[in-house]
Amino acid sequence: MREDLDAFPGAPPLETKLAEAWVTSIVDINSCGPELAEKLALQIPTALYQKPDDDAMRAEVIYERERRHLKIVVSGDPGGTANLLSFIRIWQEQFG
């Protein structure tokens, strides 16, 4: 019925498709030793490449040795980002 009302004055049909959602999250880990930073720097890209068809997921691992500070920036769809954040939490508990 809505389409009929929109078509009457010549208006284009409304787009009902939902926009693609994108999430960017930053994980900060203070007092992070170089061992944990190295393990996460290896594990995170490995986890991303397990799904080669998902080229939308991105992650960057930045370690400041002088400050013993690790920053992980994760971007992607909400589900993939949530999964990667869960893995980061688990790895931090295991290795930290």
C-alpha atoms as a PDB file:
ATOM      1  CA  MET A   1       0.000   0.000   0.000  1.00  0.00           C
ATOM      2  CA  ARG A   2       2.874   2.385   0.816  1.00  0.00           C
ATOM      3  CA  GLU A   3       4.325   1.745  -2.648  1.00  0.00           C
ATOM      4  CA  ASP A   4       1.011   2.715  -4.225  1.00  0.00           C
ATOM      5  CA  LEU A   5       0.917   5.990  -2.278  1.00  0.00           C
ATOM      6  CA  ASP A   6       4.502   6.816  -3.228  1.00  0.00           C
ATOM      7  CA  ALA A   7       3.886   5.928  -6.882  1.00  0.00           C
ATOM      8  CA  PHE A   8       0.815   8.169  -7.140  1.00  0.00           C
ATOM      9  CA  PRO A   9       2.686  11.530  -7.037  1.00  0.00           C
ATOM     10  CA  GLY A  10       5.597  10.030  -8.981  1.00  0.00           C
ATOM     11  CA  ALA A  11       7.916   9.760  -6.001  1.00  0.00           C
ATOM     12  CA  PRO A  12      10.647   7.132  -6.266  1.00  0.00           C
ATOM     13  CA  PRO A  13      10.132   4.075  -4.056  1.00  0.00           C
ATOM     14  CA  LEU A  14      11.717   4.276  -0.631  1.00  0.00           C
ATOM     15  CA  GLU A  15      14.811   2.174  -0.089  1.00  0.00           C
ATOM     16  CA  THR A  16      14.000  -0.372   2.603  1.00  0.00           C
ATOM     17  CA  LYS A  17      17.407  -2.054   2.736  1.00  0.00           C
ATOM     18  CA  LEU A  18      19.275  -1.421   5.973  1.00  0.00           C
ATOM     19  CA  ALA A  19      22.601   0.342   5.748  1.00  0.00           C
ATOM     20  CA  GLU A  20      25.700  -1.736   6.414  1.00  0.00           C
ATOM     21  CA  ALA A  21      26.891  -1.364  10.002  1.00  0.00           C
ATOM     22  CA  TRP A  22      30.577  -0.877  10.777  1.00  0.00           C
ATOM     23  CA  VAL A  23      32.263  -0.928  14.203  1.00  0.00           C
ATOM     24  CA  THR A  24      35.649   0.446  15.251  1.00  0.00           C
ATOM     25  CA  SER A  25      36.916  -0.518  18.693  1.00  0.00           C
ATOM     26  CA  ILE A  26      40.126   0.340  20.499  1.00  0.00           C
ATOM     27  CA  VAL A  27      41.578  -1.981  23.124  1.00  0.00           C
ATOM     28  CA  ASP A  28      44.192  -0.449  25.443  1.00  0.00           C
ATOM     29  CA  ILE A  29      46.318  -2.760  27.594  1.00  0.00           C
ATOM     30  CA  ASN A  30      48.545  -1.015  30.137  1.00  0.00           C
ATOM     31  CA  SER A  31      51.557  -2.648  31.790  1.00  0.00           C
ATOM     32  CA  CYS A  32      51.847  -5.025  28.846  1.00  0.00           C
ATOM     33  CA  GLY A  33      55.102  -6.915  28.568  1.00  0.00           C
ATOM     34  CA  PRO A  34      56.779  -7.496  25.223  1.00  0.00           C
ATOM     35  CA  GLU A  35      55.940 -11.218  25.340  1.00  0.00           C
ATOM     36  CA  LEU A  36      52.177 -10.613  25.435  1.00  0.00           C
ATOM     37  CA  ALA A  37      52.463  -7.877  22.802  1.00  0.00           C
ATOM     38  CA  GLU A  38      54.361 -10.203  20.473  1.00  0.00           C
ATOM     39  CA  LYS A  39      51.899 -13.061  20.961  1.00  0.00           C
ATOM     40  CA  LEU A  40      48.907 -10.832  20.266  1.00  0.00           C
ATOM     41  CA  ALA A  41      50.652  -9.264  17.265  1.00  0.00           C
ATOM     42  CA  LEU A  42      50.920 -12.792  15.823  1.00  0.00           C
ATOM     43  CA  GLN A  43      47.548 -14.175  16.949  1.00  0.00           C
ATOM     44  CA  ILE A  44      45.327 -11.332  15.762  1.00  0.00           C
ATOM     45  CA  PRO A  45      46.362 -11.370  12.072  1.00  0.00           C
ATOM     46  CA  THR A  46      46.206 -15.169  12.130  1.00  0.00           C
ATOM     47  CA  ALA A  47      42.620 -15.006  13.396  1.00  0.00           C
ATOM     48  CA  LEU A  48      41.681 -12.522  10.669  1.00  0.00           C
ATOM     49  CA  TYR A  49      43.142 -14.677   7.909  1.00  0.00           C
ATOM     50  CA  GLN A  50      41.171 -17.736   9.074  1.00  0.00           C
ATOM     51  CA  LYS A  51      38.229 -16.263   7.126  1.00  0.00           C
ATOM     52  CA  PRO A  52      39.785 -15.278   3.785  1.00  0.00           C
ATOM     53  CA  ASP A  53      36.384 -14.361   2.328  1.00  0.00           C
ATOM     54  CA  ASP A  54      35.923 -11.662   4.988  1.00  0.00           C
ATOM     55  CA  ASP A  55      38.102  -8.856   3.668  1.00  0.00           C
ATOM     56  CA  ALA A  56      36.182  -6.220   5.626  1.00  0.00           C
ATOM     57  CA  MET A  57      37.782  -7.020   9.008  1.00  0.00           C
ATOM     58  CA  ARG A  58      40.859  -4.999   9.923  1.00  0.00           C
ATOM     59  CA  ALA A  59      43.069  -4.914  13.000  1.00  0.00           C
ATOM     60  CA  GLU A  60      46.176  -2.981  13.877  1.00  0.00           C
ATOM     61  CA  VAL A  61      48.424  -3.804  16.824  1.00  0.00           C
ATOM     62  CA  ILE A  62      50.617  -1.003  18.180  1.00  0.00           C
ATOM     63  CA  TYR A  63      53.101  -1.596  20.998  1.00  0.00           C
ATOM     64  CA  GLU A  64      55.012   1.157  22.786  1.00  0.00           C
ATOM     65  CA  ARG A  65      57.858  -0.673  24.515  1.00  0.00           C
ATOM     66  CA  GLU A  66      58.982   2.354  26.564  1.00  0.00           C
ATOM     67  CA  ARG A  67      55.497   2.782  28.065  1.00  0.00           C
ATOM     68  CA  ARG A  68      54.694  -0.956  28.113  1.00  0.00           C
ATOM     69  CA  HIS A  69      51.440  -0.042  26.382  1.00  0.00           C
ATOM     70  CA  LEU A  70      49.579  -2.111  23.785  1.00  0.00           C
ATOM     71  CA  LYS A  71      46.830  -0.663  21.609  1.00  0.00           C
ATOM     72  CA  ILE A  72      44.701  -2.794  19.288  1.00  0.00           C
ATOM     73  CA  VAL A  73      42.382  -1.109  16.780  1.00  0.00           C
ATOM     74  CA  VAL A  74      39.697  -3.414  15.369  1.00  0.00           C
ATOM     75  CA  SER A  75      37.306  -2.447  12.551  1.00  0.00           C
ATOM     76  CA  GLY A  76      34.665  -4.493  10.802  1.00  0.00           C
ATOM     77  CA  ASP A  77      31.106  -5.705  10.921  1.00  0.00           C
ATOM     78  CA  PRO A  78      29.560  -5.895  14.412  1.00  0.00           C
ATOM     79  CA  GLY A  79      29.576  -9.710  14.625  1.00  0.00           C
ATOM     80  CA  GLY A  80      33.148 -10.150  13.425  1.00  0.00           C
ATOM     81  CA  THR A  81      34.390  -7.343  15.653  1.00  0.00           C
ATOM     82  CA  ALA A  82      32.647  -8.842  18.699  1.00  0.00           C
ATOM     83  CA  ASN A  83      34.203 -12.244  17.963  1.00  0.00           C
ATOM     84  CA  LEU A  84      37.696 -10.798  17.635  1.00  0.00           C
ATOM     85  CA  LEU A  85      37.282  -8.785  20.845  1.00  0.00           C
ATOM     86  CA  SER A  86      36.273 -12.007  22.632  1.00  0.00           C
ATOM     87  CA  PHE A  87      39.399 -13.720  21.337  1.00  0.00           C
ATOM     88  CA  ILE A  88      41.546 -10.796  22.512  1.00  0.00           C
ATOM     89  CA  ARG A  89      40.056 -11.095  26.002  1.00  0.00           C
ATOM     90  CA  ILE A  90      40.730 -14.841  26.091  1.00  0.00           C
ATOM     91  CA  TRP A  91      44.297 -14.442  24.826  1.00  0.00           C
ATOM     92  CA  GLN A  92      44.972 -11.700  27.350  1.00  0.00           C
ATOM     93  CA  GLU A  93      43.791 -13.999  30.159  1.00  0.00           C
ATOM     94  CA  GLN A  94      45.838 -16.928  28.841  1.00  0.00           C
ATOM     95  CA  PHE A  95      49.065 -15.090  28.077  1.00  0.00           C
ATOM     96  CA  GLY A  96      48.857 -12.194  30.529  1.00  0.00           C
END
